[in-house]
Amino acid sequence: MSAPDGSPVGAERSIGQLFASATTEMSALVHDEIALAKAQLKQDVKRGAISGGVFMVAGAVLVFSLPMLNFALAYGIRTWSDWNLALCFLLSFLANCIVAGVLGLIGAVFAKKAKRSKGPQKVAASVKETAGVLQKAKPHPRPAPAAPELEDRAPAAIEAVARSSS
């Protein structure tokens, strides 16, 4: 098993390597959050497109099929019931309105789903939270060497801290 930079997990890594690893992981996190936002936007756009498409189909059904359906249905009702032809035409128009209403309700359901979706807002909040955590992060304070004899032990102390933190 190895760390993201290719070094073995138990091996000591320099501060530069640790910083490079953290930068790489932060970059990957930002890219993943952007990809998530794109995927959620794509889903919202798809829902909106379906909603618009269903509304257009409802309008097309109502506009283009009314004359043909009205005549066929009215004469069919007249044949089966011997009612007045005007009443038969009104019944056929009512049937077309019901079909268009059902399609309109389906479109409204998809429009509400697209409007209610909070996908990109969730990702934006997550990005802001990550940025807030990073802004509050402070480096570990390092004491300045007070005497020349301590300078000899400084590399050993840094190595001990690096070993204990990994």
C-alpha atoms as a PDB file:
ATOM      1  CA  MET A   1       0.000   0.000   0.000  1.00  0.00           C
ATOM      2  CA  SER A   2       1.292   3.474  -0.749  1.00  0.00           C
ATOM      3  CA  ALA A   3       0.383   7.100  -0.177  1.00  0.00           C
ATOM      4  CA  PRO A   4      -1.062   9.229  -3.008  1.00  0.00           C
ATOM      5  CA  ASP A   5       2.412  10.445  -3.936  1.00  0.00           C
ATOM      6  CA  GLY A   6       3.716   6.875  -4.331  1.00  0.00           C
ATOM      7  CA  SER A   7       5.753   6.615  -1.118  1.00  0.00           C
ATOM      8  CA  PRO A   8       5.120   3.705   1.258  1.00  0.00           C
ATOM      9  CA  VAL A   9       2.539   4.406   3.973  1.00  0.00           C
ATOM     10  CA  GLY A  10       4.870   3.928   6.946  1.00  0.00           C
ATOM     11  CA  ALA A  11       7.728   5.902   5.390  1.00  0.00           C
ATOM     12  CA  GLU A  12       8.654   9.338   6.613  1.00  0.00           C
ATOM     13  CA  ARG A  13       7.625  12.088   4.241  1.00  0.00           C
ATOM     14  CA  SER A  14       8.921  15.607   4.087  1.00  0.00           C
ATOM     15  CA  ILE A  15       6.743  18.639   4.723  1.00  0.00           C
ATOM     16  CA  GLY A  16       6.880  19.407   1.014  1.00  0.00           C
ATOM     17  CA  GLN A  17       5.578  15.942   0.191  1.00  0.00           C
ATOM     18  CA  LEU A  18       2.821  16.280   2.778  1.00  0.00           C
ATOM     19  CA  PHE A  19       1.859  19.688   1.385  1.00  0.00           C
ATOM     20  CA  ALA A  20       1.892  18.353  -2.181  1.00  0.00           C
ATOM     21  CA  SER A  21      -0.272  15.417  -1.120  1.00  0.00           C
ATOM     22  CA  ALA A  22      -2.750  17.724   0.661  1.00  0.00           C
ATOM     23  CA  THR A  23      -2.876  20.043  -2.360  1.00  0.00           C
ATOM     24  CA  THR A  24      -3.505  17.114  -4.696  1.00  0.00           C
ATOM     25  CA  GLU A  25      -6.284  15.775  -2.493  1.00  0.00           C
ATOM     26  CA  MET A  26      -7.873  19.247  -2.191  1.00  0.00           C
ATOM     27  CA  SER A  27      -7.773  19.629  -5.947  1.00  0.00           C
ATOM     28  CA  ALA A  28      -9.410  16.221  -6.363  1.00  0.00           C
ATOM     29  CA  LEU A  29     -12.095  17.191  -3.837  1.00  0.00           C
ATOM     30  CA  VAL A  30     -12.880  20.422  -5.696  1.00  0.00           C
ATOM     31  CA  HIS A  31     -13.018  18.575  -9.031  1.00  0.00           C
ATOM     32  CA  ASP A  32     -15.339  15.950  -7.544  1.00  0.00           C
ATOM     33  CA  GLU A  33     -17.658  18.624  -6.154  1.00  0.00           C
ATOM     34  CA  ILE A  34     -17.750  20.350  -9.543  1.00  0.00           C
ATOM     35  CA  ALA A  35     -18.577  17.034 -11.214  1.00  0.00           C
ATOM     36  CA  LEU A  36     -21.359  16.459  -8.674  1.00  0.00           C
ATOM     37  CA  ALA A  37     -22.794  19.913  -9.358  1.00  0.00           C
ATOM     38  CA  LYS A  38     -22.718  19.239 -13.110  1.00  0.00           C
ATOM     39  CA  ALA A  39     -24.491  15.899 -12.650  1.00  0.00           C
ATOM     40  CA  GLN A  40     -27.191  17.467 -10.493  1.00  0.00           C
ATOM     41  CA  LEU A  41     -27.683  20.328 -12.950  1.00  0.00           C
ATOM     42  CA  LYS A  42     -27.935  17.814 -15.774  1.00  0.00           C
ATOM     43  CA  GLN A  43     -30.659  15.953 -13.871  1.00  0.00           C
ATOM     44  CA  ASP A  44     -32.568  19.200 -13.196  1.00  0.00           C
ATOM     45  CA  VAL A  45     -32.321  20.226 -16.850  1.00  0.00           C
ATOM     46  CA  LYS A  46     -33.553  16.784 -17.886  1.00  0.00           C
ATOM     47  CA  ARG A  47     -36.586  17.088 -15.605  1.00  0.00           C
ATOM     48  CA  GLY A  48     -37.310  20.557 -16.950  1.00  0.00           C
ATOM     49  CA  ALA A  49     -37.014  19.313 -20.522  1.00  0.00           C
ATOM     50  CA  ILE A  50     -39.396  16.433 -19.819  1.00  0.00           C
ATOM     51  CA  SER A  51     -41.830  18.864 -18.239  1.00  0.00           C
ATOM     52  CA  GLY A  52     -41.680  21.198 -21.224  1.00  0.00           C
ATOM     53  CA  GLY A  53     -41.999  18.298 -23.627  1.00  0.00           C
ATOM     54  CA  VAL A  54     -45.090  16.945 -21.908  1.00  0.00           C
ATOM     55  CA  PHE A  55     -46.665  20.415 -21.881  1.00  0.00           C
ATOM     56  CA  MET A  56     -45.953  20.717 -25.622  1.00  0.00           C
ATOM     57  CA  VAL A  57     -47.487  17.300 -26.281  1.00  0.00           C
ATOM     58  CA  ALA A  58     -50.573  18.343 -24.318  1.00  0.00           C
ATOM     59  CA  GLY A  59     -50.876  21.479 -26.437  1.00  0.00           C
ATOM     60  CA  ALA A  60     -50.297  19.578 -29.663  1.00  0.00           C
ATOM     61  CA  VAL A  61     -52.961  17.024 -28.728  1.00  0.00           C
ATOM     62  CA  LEU A  62     -55.422  19.751 -27.969  1.00  0.00           C
ATOM     63  CA  VAL A  63     -54.714  21.842 -31.078  1.00  0.00           C
ATOM     64  CA  PHE A  64     -54.049  19.335 -33.839  1.00  0.00           C
ATOM     65  CA  SER A  65     -56.321  16.461 -32.921  1.00  0.00           C
ATOM     66  CA  LEU A  66     -59.431  18.331 -31.932  1.00  0.00           C
ATOM     67  CA  PRO A  67     -61.029  18.637 -35.364  1.00  0.00           C
ATOM     68  CA  MET A  68     -60.434  15.038 -36.396  1.00  0.00           C
ATOM     69  CA  LEU A  69     -61.201  13.552 -32.996  1.00  0.00           C
ATOM     70  CA  ASN A  70     -64.243  15.724 -32.503  1.00  0.00           C
ATOM     71  CA  PHE A  71     -65.811  14.648 -35.761  1.00  0.00           C
ATOM     72  CA  ALA A  72     -65.012  10.966 -35.251  1.00  0.00           C
ATOM     73  CA  LEU A  73     -66.150  10.908 -31.654  1.00  0.00           C
ATOM     74  CA  ALA A  74     -69.261  13.014 -32.251  1.00  0.00           C
ATOM     75  CA  TYR A  75     -70.449  10.821 -35.115  1.00  0.00           C
ATOM     76  CA  GLY A  76     -69.602   7.708 -33.078  1.00  0.00           C
ATOM     77  CA  ILE A  77     -71.687   8.941 -30.124  1.00  0.00           C
ATOM     78  CA  ARG A  78     -74.494   9.878 -32.519  1.00  0.00           C
ATOM     79  CA  THR A  79     -74.434   6.385 -34.030  1.00  0.00           C
ATOM     80  CA  TRP A  80     -74.584   4.642 -30.628  1.00  0.00           C
ATOM     81  CA  SER A  81     -77.037   6.930 -28.845  1.00  0.00           C
ATOM     82  CA  ASP A  82     -79.174   8.803 -31.399  1.00  0.00           C
ATOM     83  CA  TRP A  83     -78.583  12.029 -29.416  1.00  0.00           C
ATOM     84  CA  ASN A  84     -78.512  15.477 -30.957  1.00  0.00           C
ATOM     85  CA  LEU A  85     -75.357  15.992 -33.054  1.00  0.00           C
ATOM     86  CA  ALA A  86     -74.443  19.236 -31.226  1.00  0.00           C
ATOM     87  CA  LEU A  87     -74.419  17.411 -27.867  1.00  0.00           C
ATOM     88  CA  CYS A  88     -72.242  14.696 -29.384  1.00  0.00           C
ATOM     89  CA  PHE A  89     -69.700  17.320 -30.518  1.00  0.00           C
ATOM     90  CA  LEU A  90     -69.648  18.852 -27.022  1.00  0.00           C
ATOM     91  CA  LEU A  91     -68.971  15.446 -25.469  1.00  0.00           C
ATOM     92  CA  SER A  92     -66.108  14.775 -27.872  1.00  0.00           C
ATOM     93  CA  PHE A  93     -64.580  18.183 -27.057  1.00  0.00           C
ATOM     94  CA  LEU A  94     -64.886  17.416 -23.326  1.00  0.00           C
ATOM     95  CA  ALA A  95     -63.031  14.121 -23.850  1.00  0.00           C
ATOM     96  CA  ASN A  96     -60.169  15.974 -25.587  1.00  0.00           C
ATOM     97  CA  CYS A  97     -60.006  18.520 -22.765  1.00  0.00           C
ATOM     98  CA  ILE A  98     -59.741  15.711 -20.211  1.00  0.00           C
ATOM     99  CA  VAL A  99     -56.824  14.129 -22.106  1.00  0.00           C
ATOM    100  CA  ALA A 100     -55.053  17.490 -22.349  1.00  0.00           C
ATOM    101  CA  GLY A 101     -55.696  18.140 -18.632  1.00  0.00           C
ATOM    102  CA  VAL A 102     -54.170  14.805 -17.620  1.00  0.00           C
ATOM    103  CA  LEU A 103     -51.075  15.525 -19.745  1.00  0.00           C
ATOM    104  CA  GLY A 104     -50.874  19.008 -18.223  1.00  0.00           C
ATOM    105  CA  LEU A 105     -50.963  17.542 -14.709  1.00  0.00           C
ATOM    106  CA  ILE A 106     -48.152  15.149 -15.588  1.00  0.00           C
ATOM    107  CA  GLY A 107     -46.135  18.108 -16.856  1.00  0.00           C
ATOM    108  CA  ALA A 108     -46.872  20.031 -13.648  1.00  0.00           C
ATOM    109  CA  VAL A 109     -45.590  17.132 -11.529  1.00  0.00           C
ATOM    110  CA  PHE A 110     -42.293  17.080 -13.440  1.00  0.00           C
ATOM    111  CA  ALA A 111     -42.028  20.877 -13.209  1.00  0.00           C
ATOM    112  CA  LYS A 112     -42.462  20.746  -9.418  1.00  0.00           C
ATOM    113  CA  LYS A 113     -39.768  18.073  -9.147  1.00  0.00           C
ATOM    114  CA  ALA A 114     -37.363  20.180 -11.178  1.00  0.00           C
ATOM    115  CA  LYS A 115     -38.187  23.318  -9.157  1.00  0.00           C
ATOM    116  CA  ARG A 116     -37.960  21.539  -5.793  1.00  0.00           C
ATOM    117  CA  SER A 117     -34.550  20.021  -6.499  1.00  0.00           C
ATOM    118  CA  LYS A 118     -31.809  21.605  -4.417  1.00  0.00           C
ATOM    119  CA  GLY A 119     -28.857  19.777  -6.023  1.00  0.00           C
ATOM    120  CA  PRO A 120     -26.523  22.634  -6.919  1.00  0.00           C
ATOM    121  CA  GLN A 121     -27.356  24.521  -3.730  1.00  0.00           C
ATOM    122  CA  LYS A 122     -26.233  21.531  -1.641  1.00  0.00           C
ATOM    123  CA  VAL A 123     -22.938  21.347  -3.512  1.00  0.00           C
ATOM    124  CA  ALA A 124     -22.394  25.094  -3.156  1.00  0.00           C
ATOM    125  CA  ALA A 125     -22.968  24.821   0.600  1.00  0.00           C
ATOM    126  CA  SER A 126     -20.504  21.944   0.777  1.00  0.00           C
ATOM    127  CA  VAL A 127     -17.875  23.956  -1.102  1.00  0.00           C
ATOM    128  CA  LYS A 128     -18.399  26.919   1.240  1.00  0.00           C
ATOM    129  CA  GLU A 129     -18.073  24.636   4.258  1.00  0.00           C
ATOM    130  CA  THR A 130     -14.834  23.162   2.925  1.00  0.00           C
ATOM    131  CA  ALA A 131     -13.460  26.634   2.250  1.00  0.00           C
ATOM    132  CA  GLY A 132     -14.425  27.737   5.765  1.00  0.00           C
ATOM    133  CA  VAL A 133     -12.594  24.793   7.312  1.00  0.00           C
ATOM    134  CA  LEU A 134      -9.505  25.505   5.234  1.00  0.00           C
ATOM    135  CA  GLN A 135      -9.515  29.182   6.194  1.00  0.00           C
ATOM    136  CA  LYS A 136      -9.636  28.302   9.886  1.00  0.00           C
ATOM    137  CA  ALA A 137      -6.795  25.775   9.597  1.00  0.00           C
ATOM    138  CA  LYS A 138      -3.577  27.048  11.114  1.00  0.00           C
ATOM    139  CA  PRO A 139      -0.140  25.502  10.866  1.00  0.00           C
ATOM    140  CA  HIS A 140       1.289  23.831  13.911  1.00  0.00           C
ATOM    141  CA  PRO A 141       3.397  26.413  15.811  1.00  0.00           C
ATOM    142  CA  ARG A 142       7.108  25.687  15.757  1.00  0.00           C
ATOM    143  CA  PRO A 143       9.305  27.105  18.495  1.00  0.00           C
ATOM    144  CA  ALA A 144      12.344  29.037  17.351  1.00  0.00           C
ATOM    145  CA  PRO A 145      15.680  27.551  18.439  1.00  0.00           C
ATOM    146  CA  ALA A 146      16.928  29.506  21.449  1.00  0.00           C
ATOM    147  CA  ALA A 147      20.492  28.314  21.668  1.00  0.00           C
ATOM    148  CA  PRO A 148      23.055  27.012  19.154  1.00  0.00           C
ATOM    149  CA  GLU A 149      23.243  23.626  20.921  1.00  0.00           C
ATOM    150  CA  LEU A 150      19.537  23.112  20.175  1.00  0.00           C
ATOM    151  CA  GLU A 151      20.125  23.531  16.442  1.00  0.00           C
ATOM    152  CA  ASP A 152      21.768  20.127  16.319  1.00  0.00           C
ATOM    153  CA  ARG A 153      18.660  18.501  17.760  1.00  0.00           C
ATOM    154  CA  ALA A 154      16.165  20.398  15.570  1.00  0.00           C
ATOM    155  CA  PRO A 155      16.276  17.967  12.590  1.00  0.00           C
ATOM    156  CA  ALA A 156      15.831  15.032  14.948  1.00  0.00           C
ATOM    157  CA  ALA A 157      12.870  16.730  16.622  1.00  0.00           C
ATOM    158  CA  ILE A 158      11.259  17.467  13.263  1.00  0.00           C
ATOM    159  CA  GLU A 159      11.726  13.852  12.206  1.00  0.00           C
ATOM    160  CA  ALA A 160      10.196  12.634  15.491  1.00  0.00           C
ATOM    161  CA  VAL A 161       7.162  14.878  14.989  1.00  0.00           C
ATOM    162  CA  ALA A 162       6.813  13.730  11.379  1.00  0.00           C
ATOM    163  CA  ARG A 163       6.978  10.074  12.470  1.00  0.00           C
ATOM    164  CA  SER A 164       4.378  10.561  15.199  1.00  0.00           C
ATOM    165  CA  SER A 165       1.934  12.375  12.884  1.00  0.00           C
ATOM    166  CA  SER A 166       2.004   9.773  10.092  1.00  0.00           C
END
